[in-house]
PDB file of N, CA and C in Angstrom:
ATOM      1  N   MET A   1      89.625  47.795  51.252  1.00  0.00           N
ATOM      2  CA  MET A   1      89.436  46.367  51.213  1.00  0.00           C
ATOM      3  C   MET A   1      88.985  45.962  49.821  1.00  0.00           C
ATOM      4  N   LYS A   2      89.252  44.722  49.482  1.00  0.00           N
ATOM      5  CA  LYS A   2      88.857  44.201  48.171  1.00  0.00           C
ATOM      6  C   LYS A   2      87.809  43.111  48.351  1.00  0.00           C
ATOM      7  N   VAL A   3      86.776  43.155  47.513  1.00  0.00           N
ATOM      8  CA  VAL A   3      85.767  42.102  47.490  1.00  0.00           C
ATOM      9  C   VAL A   3      85.581  41.651  46.052  1.00  0.00           C
ATOM     10  N   HIS A   4      85.137  40.422  45.898  1.00  0.00           N
ATOM     11  CA  HIS A   4      84.887  39.853  44.578  1.00  0.00           C
ATOM     12  C   HIS A   4      83.386  39.916  44.324  1.00  0.00           C
ATOM     13  N   LEU A   5      83.006  40.506  43.204  1.00  0.00           N
ATOM     14  CA  LEU A   5      81.592  40.655  42.866  1.00  0.00           C
ATOM     15  C   LEU A   5      81.303  39.914  41.573  1.00  0.00           C
ATOM     16  N   GLN A   6      80.212  39.167  41.585  1.00  0.00           N
ATOM     17  CA  GLN A   6      79.737  38.516  40.370  1.00  0.00           C
ATOM     18  C   GLN A   6      78.270  38.858  40.192  1.00  0.00           C
ATOM     19  N   LEU A   7      77.938  39.377  39.016  1.00  0.00           N
ATOM     20  CA  LEU A   7      76.565  39.729  38.677  1.00  0.00           C
ATOM     21  C   LEU A   7      76.027  38.703  37.691  1.00  0.00           C
ATOM     22  N   TYR A   8      74.765  38.354  37.846  1.00  0.00           N
ATOM     23  CA  TYR A   8      74.139  37.338  37.006  1.00  0.00           C
ATOM     24  C   TYR A   8      72.977  37.922  36.215  1.00  0.00           C
ATOM     25  N   SER A   9      72.626  37.221  35.146  1.00  0.00           N
ATOM     26  CA  SER A   9      71.464  37.543  34.318  1.00  0.00           C
ATOM     27  C   SER A   9      71.591  38.956  33.752  1.00  0.00           C
ATOM     28  N   ILE A  10      70.503  39.682  33.748  1.00  0.00           N
ATOM     29  CA  ILE A  10      70.471  41.027  33.157  1.00  0.00           C
ATOM     30  C   ILE A  10      71.406  41.989  33.885  1.00  0.00           C
ATOM     31  N   LEU A  11      71.745  41.699  35.128  1.00  0.00           N
ATOM     32  CA  LEU A  11      72.631  42.575  35.902  1.00  0.00           C
ATOM     33  C   LEU A  11      74.044  42.612  35.328  1.00  0.00           C
ATOM     34  N   ARG A  12      74.430  41.582  34.570  1.00  0.00           N
ATOM     35  CA  ARG A  12      75.757  41.567  33.954  1.00  0.00           C
ATOM     36  C   ARG A  12      75.984  42.775  33.056  1.00  0.00           C
ATOM     37  N   GLU A  13      74.892  43.353  32.570  1.00  0.00           N
ATOM     38  CA  GLU A  13      74.999  44.528  31.697  1.00  0.00           C
ATOM     39  C   GLU A  13      75.562  45.744  32.429  1.00  0.00           C
ATOM     40  N   LYS A  14      75.636  45.683  33.749  1.00  0.00           N
ATOM     41  CA  LYS A  14      76.197  46.788  34.544  1.00  0.00           C
ATOM     42  C   LYS A  14      77.716  46.835  34.439  1.00  0.00           C
ATOM     43  N   LEU A  15      78.312  45.764  33.912  1.00  0.00           N
ATOM     44  CA  LEU A  15      79.765  45.680  33.750  1.00  0.00           C
ATOM     45  C   LEU A  15      80.108  45.589  32.264  1.00  0.00           C
ATOM     46  N   PRO A  16      81.344  45.938  31.890  1.00  0.00           N
ATOM     47  CA  PRO A  16      81.745  45.780  30.486  1.00  0.00           C
ATOM     48  C   PRO A  16      81.638  44.314  30.061  1.00  0.00           C
ATOM     49  N   PRO A  17      81.317  44.051  28.792  1.00  0.00           N
ATOM     50  CA  PRO A  17      81.157  42.666  28.322  1.00  0.00           C
ATOM     51  C   PRO A  17      82.368  41.784  28.591  1.00  0.00           C
ATOM     52  N   GLU A  18      83.563  42.341  28.489  1.00  0.00           N
ATOM     53  CA  GLU A  18      84.765  41.535  28.690  1.00  0.00           C
ATOM     54  C   GLU A  18      84.937  41.089  30.147  1.00  0.00           C
ATOM     55  N   ALA A  19      84.232  41.712  31.076  1.00  0.00           N
ATOM     56  CA  ALA A  19      84.302  41.316  32.491  1.00  0.00           C
ATOM     57  C   ALA A  19      83.550  40.015  32.751  1.00  0.00           C
ATOM     58  N   LYS A  20      82.625  39.680  31.845  1.00  0.00           N
ATOM     59  CA  LYS A  20      81.814  38.458  31.969  1.00  0.00           C
ATOM     60  C   LYS A  20      81.120  38.367  33.324  1.00  0.00           C
ATOM     61  N   GLY A  21      80.682  39.538  33.819  1.00  0.00           N
ATOM     62  CA  GLY A  21      79.905  39.582  35.057  1.00  0.00           C
ATOM     63  C   GLY A  21      80.723  39.553  36.334  1.00  0.00           C
ATOM     64  N   LYS A  22      82.058  39.568  36.216  1.00  0.00           N
ATOM     65  CA  LYS A  22      82.912  39.472  37.404  1.00  0.00           C
ATOM     66  C   LYS A  22      83.832  40.674  37.511  1.00  0.00           C
ATOM     67  N   VAL A  23      84.024  41.129  38.770  1.00  0.00           N
ATOM     68  CA  VAL A  23      84.929  42.244  38.996  1.00  0.00           C
ATOM     69  C   VAL A  23      85.418  42.192  40.446  1.00  0.00           C
ATOM     70  N   ILE A  24      86.626  42.692  40.659  1.00  0.00           N
ATOM     71  CA  ILE A  24      87.141  42.872  42.016  1.00  0.00           C
ATOM     72  C   ILE A  24      86.990  44.354  42.341  1.00  0.00           C
ATOM     73  N   LEU A  25      86.307  44.637  43.443  1.00  0.00           N
ATOM     74  CA  LEU A  25      86.056  46.023  43.834  1.00  0.00           C
ATOM     75  C   LEU A  25      86.947  46.430  44.995  1.00  0.00           C
ATOM     76  N   GLN A  26      87.423  47.647  44.951  1.00  0.00           N
ATOM     77  CA  GLN A  26      88.144  48.251  46.069  1.00  0.00           C
ATOM     78  C   GLN A  26      87.134  49.125  46.800  1.00  0.00           C
ATOM     79  N   LEU A  27      86.815  48.776  48.036  1.00  0.00           N
ATOM     80  CA  LEU A  27      85.795  49.490  48.803  1.00  0.00           C
ATOM     81  C   LEU A  27      86.385  50.067  50.079  1.00  0.00           C
ATOM     82  N   GLU A  28      85.723  51.086  50.601  1.00  0.00           N
ATOM     83  CA  GLU A  28      86.103  51.662  51.889  1.00  0.00           C
ATOM     84  C   GLU A  28      85.705  50.709  53.009  1.00  0.00           C
ATOM     85  N   GLU A  29      86.443  50.723  54.104  1.00  0.00           N
ATOM     86  CA  GLU A  29      86.058  49.943  55.280  1.00  0.00           C
ATOM     87  C   GLU A  29      84.650  50.363  55.691  1.00  0.00           C
ATOM     88  N   GLY A  30      83.838  49.409  56.093  1.00  0.00           N
ATOM     89  CA  GLY A  30      82.469  49.707  56.503  1.00  0.00           C
ATOM     90  C   GLY A  30      81.467  49.674  55.366  1.00  0.00           C
ATOM     91  N   ALA A  31      81.934  49.393  54.143  1.00  0.00           N
ATOM     92  CA  ALA A  31      81.018  49.323  52.998  1.00  0.00           C
ATOM     93  C   ALA A  31      80.029  48.178  53.214  1.00  0.00           C
ATOM     94  N   THR A  32      78.842  48.349  52.637  1.00  0.00           N
ATOM     95  CA  THR A  32      77.779  47.362  52.789  1.00  0.00           C
ATOM     96  C   THR A  32      77.330  46.848  51.427  1.00  0.00           C
ATOM     97  N   ILE A  33      76.459  45.858  51.449  1.00  0.00           N
ATOM     98  CA  ILE A  33      75.866  45.383  50.197  1.00  0.00           C
ATOM     99  C   ILE A  33      75.109  46.530  49.544  1.00  0.00           C
ATOM    100  N   ASP A  34      74.411  47.335  50.350  1.00  0.00           N
ATOM    101  CA  ASP A  34      73.707  48.505  49.811  1.00  0.00           C
ATOM    102  C   ASP A  34      74.654  49.430  49.053  1.00  0.00           C
ATOM    103  N   SER A  35      75.887  49.574  49.532  1.00  0.00           N
ATOM    104  CA  SER A  35      76.885  50.417  48.850  1.00  0.00           C
ATOM    105  C   SER A  35      77.109  49.929  47.428  1.00  0.00           C
ATOM    106  N   ILE A  36      77.210  48.614  47.271  1.00  0.00           N
ATOM    107  CA  ILE A  36      77.429  48.034  45.942  1.00  0.00           C
ATOM    108  C   ILE A  36      76.193  48.235  45.069  1.00  0.00           C
ATOM    109  N   LEU A  37      75.014  48.005  45.629  1.00  0.00           N
ATOM    110  CA  LEU A  37      73.782  48.188  44.854  1.00  0.00           C
ATOM    111  C   LEU A  37      73.665  49.626  44.365  1.00  0.00           C
ATOM    112  N   GLN A  38      74.027  50.582  45.209  1.00  0.00           N
ATOM    113  CA  GLN A  38      73.978  51.986  44.800  1.00  0.00           C
ATOM    114  C   GLN A  38      75.038  52.295  43.754  1.00  0.00           C
ATOM    115  N   GLU A  39      76.242  51.782  43.946  1.00  0.00           N
ATOM    116  CA  GLU A  39      77.344  52.053  43.002  1.00  0.00           C
ATOM    117  C   GLU A  39      77.006  51.584  41.598  1.00  0.00           C
ATOM    118  N   PHE A  40      76.309  50.456  41.502  1.00  0.00           N
ATOM    119  CA  PHE A  40      75.969  49.902  40.191  1.00  0.00           C
ATOM    120  C   PHE A  40      74.532  50.228  39.777  1.00  0.00           C
ATOM    121  N   ASP A  41      73.890  51.125  40.506  1.00  0.00           N
ATOM    122  CA  ASP A  41      72.541  51.589  40.182  1.00  0.00           C
ATOM    123  C   ASP A  41      71.580  50.404  40.004  1.00  0.00           C
ATOM    124  N   ILE A  42      71.620  49.497  40.977  1.00  0.00           N
ATOM    125  CA  ILE A  42      70.739  48.336  40.958  1.00  0.00           C
ATOM    126  C   ILE A  42      69.559  48.637  41.868  1.00  0.00           C
ATOM    127  N   GLU A  43      68.408  48.889  41.261  1.00  0.00           N
ATOM    128  CA  GLU A  43      67.225  49.256  42.018  1.00  0.00           C
ATOM    129  C   GLU A  43      66.179  48.155  42.033  1.00  0.00           C
ATOM    130  N   ARG A  44      66.355  47.161  41.215  1.00  0.00           N
ATOM    131  CA  ARG A  44      65.365  46.093  41.120  1.00  0.00           C
ATOM    132  C   ARG A  44      65.530  45.115  42.280  1.00  0.00           C
ATOM    133  N   ARG A  45      64.543  44.256  42.453  1.00  0.00           N
ATOM    134  CA  ARG A  45      64.610  43.231  43.498  1.00  0.00           C
ATOM    135  C   ARG A  45      65.699  42.236  43.116  1.00  0.00           C
ATOM    136  N   VAL A  46      66.591  41.975  44.057  1.00  0.00           N
ATOM    137  CA  VAL A  46      67.696  41.063  43.798  1.00  0.00           C
ATOM    138  C   VAL A  46      67.831  40.060  44.939  1.00  0.00           C
ATOM    139  N   VAL A  47      68.561  39.000  44.651  1.00  0.00           N
ATOM    140  CA  VAL A  47      68.940  38.006  45.653  1.00  0.00           C
ATOM    141  C   VAL A  47      70.453  38.093  45.777  1.00  0.00           C
ATOM    142  N   VAL A  48      70.947  38.166  47.013  1.00  0.00           N
ATOM    143  CA  VAL A  48      72.370  38.341  47.252  1.00  0.00           C
ATOM    144  C   VAL A  48      72.908  37.180  48.085  1.00  0.00           C
ATOM    145  N   SER A  49      74.091  36.704  47.699  1.00  0.00           N
ATOM    146  CA  SER A  49      74.789  35.746  48.554  1.00  0.00           C
ATOM    147  C   SER A  49      76.169  36.315  48.864  1.00  0.00           C
ATOM    148  N   VAL A  50      76.613  36.053  50.081  1.00  0.00           N
ATOM    149  CA  VAL A  50      77.949  36.456  50.518  1.00  0.00           C
ATOM    150  C   VAL A  50      78.661  35.194  50.985  1.00  0.00           C
ATOM    151  N   ASN A  51      79.776  34.910  50.348  1.00  0.00           N
ATOM    152  CA  ASN A  51      80.573  33.718  50.669  1.00  0.00           C
ATOM    153  C   ASN A  51      79.732  32.442  50.603  1.00  0.00           C
ATOM    154  N   GLY A  52      78.864  32.390  49.590  1.00  0.00           N
ATOM    155  CA  GLY A  52      78.092  31.187  49.331  1.00  0.00           C
ATOM    156  C   GLY A  52      76.832  31.015  50.156  1.00  0.00           C
ATOM    157  N   LYS A  53      76.479  32.021  50.971  1.00  0.00           N
ATOM    158  CA  LYS A  53      75.277  31.921  51.799  1.00  0.00           C
ATOM    159  C   LYS A  53      74.333  33.081  51.491  1.00  0.00           C
ATOM    160  N   TYR A  54      73.051  32.747  51.359  1.00  0.00           N
ATOM    161  CA  TYR A  54      72.017  33.756  51.119  1.00  0.00           C
ATOM    162  C   TYR A  54      72.105  34.841  52.181  1.00  0.00           C
ATOM    163  N   GLU A  55      72.049  36.107  51.743  1.00  0.00           N
ATOM    164  CA  GLU A  55      72.131  37.232  52.666  1.00  0.00           C
ATOM    165  C   GLU A  55      70.971  38.196  52.410  1.00  0.00           C
ATOM    166  N   PRO A  56      69.922  38.130  53.252  1.00  0.00           N
ATOM    167  CA  PRO A  56      68.772  39.009  53.052  1.00  0.00           C
ATOM    168  C   PRO A  56      68.995  40.444  53.539  1.00  0.00           C
ATOM    169  N   ASP A  57      70.003  40.666  54.385  1.00  0.00           N
ATOM    170  CA  ASP A  57      70.248  41.977  54.989  1.00  0.00           C
ATOM    171  C   ASP A  57      71.256  42.763  54.157  1.00  0.00           C
ATOM    172  N   THR A  58      70.754  43.674  53.318  1.00  0.00           N
ATOM    173  CA  THR A  58      71.660  44.433  52.449  1.00  0.00           C
ATOM    174  C   THR A  58      72.429  45.518  53.202  1.00  0.00           C
ATOM    175  N   SER A  59      72.124  45.706  54.494  1.00  0.00           N
ATOM    176  CA  SER A  59      72.907  46.662  55.283  1.00  0.00           C
ATOM    177  C   SER A  59      74.116  45.975  55.931  1.00  0.00           C
ATOM    178  N   ARG A  60      74.300  44.699  55.634  1.00  0.00           N
ATOM    179  CA  ARG A  60      75.441  43.943  56.182  1.00  0.00           C
ATOM    180  C   ARG A  60      76.760  44.568  55.744  1.00  0.00           C
ATOM    181  N   GLN A  61      77.658  44.773  56.698  1.00  0.00           N
ATOM    182  CA  GLN A  61      78.983  45.273  56.365  1.00  0.00           C
ATOM    183  C   GLN A  61      79.814  44.151  55.763  1.00  0.00           C
ATOM    184  N   LEU A  62      80.586  44.518  54.767  1.00  0.00           N
ATOM    185  CA  LEU A  62      81.421  43.548  54.068  1.00  0.00           C
ATOM    186  C   LEU A  62      82.821  43.521  54.667  1.00  0.00           C
ATOM    187  N   ARG A  63      83.519  42.421  54.415  1.00  0.00           N
ATOM    188  CA  ARG A  63      84.887  42.252  54.902  1.00  0.00           C
ATOM    189  C   ARG A  63      85.821  42.000  53.719  1.00  0.00           C
ATOM    190  N   ASP A  64      87.078  42.281  53.930  1.00  0.00           N
ATOM    191  CA  ASP A  64      88.078  42.056  52.898  1.00  0.00           C
ATOM    192  C   ASP A  64      88.033  40.596  52.441  1.00  0.00           C
ATOM    193  N   GLY A  65      87.974  40.396  51.124  1.00  0.00           N
ATOM    194  CA  GLY A  65      87.981  39.063  50.549  1.00  0.00           C
ATOM    195  C   GLY A  65      86.610  38.440  50.366  1.00  0.00           C
ATOM    196  N   ASP A  66      85.546  39.120  50.821  1.00  0.00           N
ATOM    197  CA  ASP A  66      84.200  38.562  50.646  1.00  0.00           C
ATOM    198  C   ASP A  66      83.904  38.313  49.174  1.00  0.00           C
ATOM    199  N   GLN A  67      83.112  37.280  48.931  1.00  0.00           N
ATOM    200  CA  GLN A  67      82.652  36.933  47.584  1.00  0.00           C
ATOM    201  C   GLN A  67      81.153  37.232  47.541  1.00  0.00           C
ATOM    202  N   ILE A  68      80.763  38.221  46.747  1.00  0.00           N
ATOM    203  CA  ILE A  68      79.371  38.637  46.657  1.00  0.00           C
ATOM    204  C   ILE A  68      78.826  38.239  45.292  1.00  0.00           C
ATOM    205  N   LYS A  69      77.664  37.594  45.315  1.00  0.00           N
ATOM    206  CA  LYS A  69      76.972  37.238  44.071  1.00  0.00           C
ATOM    207  C   LYS A  69      75.588  37.876  44.133  1.00  0.00           C
ATOM    208  N   ILE A  70      75.228  38.536  43.037  1.00  0.00           N
ATOM    209  CA  ILE A  70      73.934  39.211  42.983  1.00  0.00           C
ATOM    210  C   ILE A  70      73.159  38.681  41.778  1.00  0.00           C
ATOM    211  N   PHE A  71      71.971  38.200  42.080  1.00  0.00           N
ATOM    212  CA  PHE A  71      71.083  37.602  41.067  1.00  0.00           C
ATOM    213  C   PHE A  71      69.854  38.481  40.903  1.00  0.00           C
ATOM    214  N   ALA A  72      69.381  38.641  39.684  1.00  0.00           N
ATOM    215  CA  ALA A  72      68.140  39.359  39.449  1.00  0.00           C
ATOM    216  C   ALA A  72      66.996  38.530  40.049  1.00  0.00           C
ATOM    217  N   GLY A  73      66.074  39.204  40.730  1.00  0.00           N
ATOM    218  CA  GLY A  73      64.933  38.523  41.313  1.00  0.00           C
ATOM    219  C   GLY A  73      64.061  37.928  40.218  1.00  0.00           C
ATOM    220  N   ILE A  74      63.431  36.825  40.525  1.00  0.00           N
ATOM    221  CA  ILE A  74      62.582  36.142  39.557  1.00  0.00           C
ATOM    222  C   ILE A  74      61.140  36.453  39.883  1.00  0.00           C
ATOM    223  N   SER A  75      60.387  36.779  38.858  1.00  0.00           N
ATOM    224  CA  SER A  75      58.962  36.990  39.056  1.00  0.00           C
ATOM    225  C   SER A  75      58.225  36.343  37.883  1.00  0.00           C
ATOM    226  N   GLY A  76      57.018  36.072  38.106  1.00  0.00           N
ATOM    227  CA  GLY A  76      56.245  35.453  37.040  1.00  0.00           C
ATOM    228  C   GLY A  76      54.769  35.559  37.352  1.00  0.00           C
ATOM    229  N   GLY A  77      54.005  35.015  36.469  1.00  0.00           N
ATOM    230  CA  GLY A  77      52.584  35.113  36.748  1.00  0.00           C
ATOM    231  C   GLY A  77      51.788  34.267  35.797  1.00  0.00           C
TER     232      GLY A  77
END
């Protein structure tokens, strides 16, 4: 299955500069958001949306054509 992934902020560095934070991934059926986080070695706190809706459950299985956006978590003090 194919999904569209867009990384924001510092996470864009996980992709080549010419990708501008966007890539189409070919994944196995049953892949999850966690699969993507592991593939791109994203260990920091992130915010994820799937098809334009906030998705707190990173064990959610993805479907063909899903649009995933991953944002670096914001912290301050």
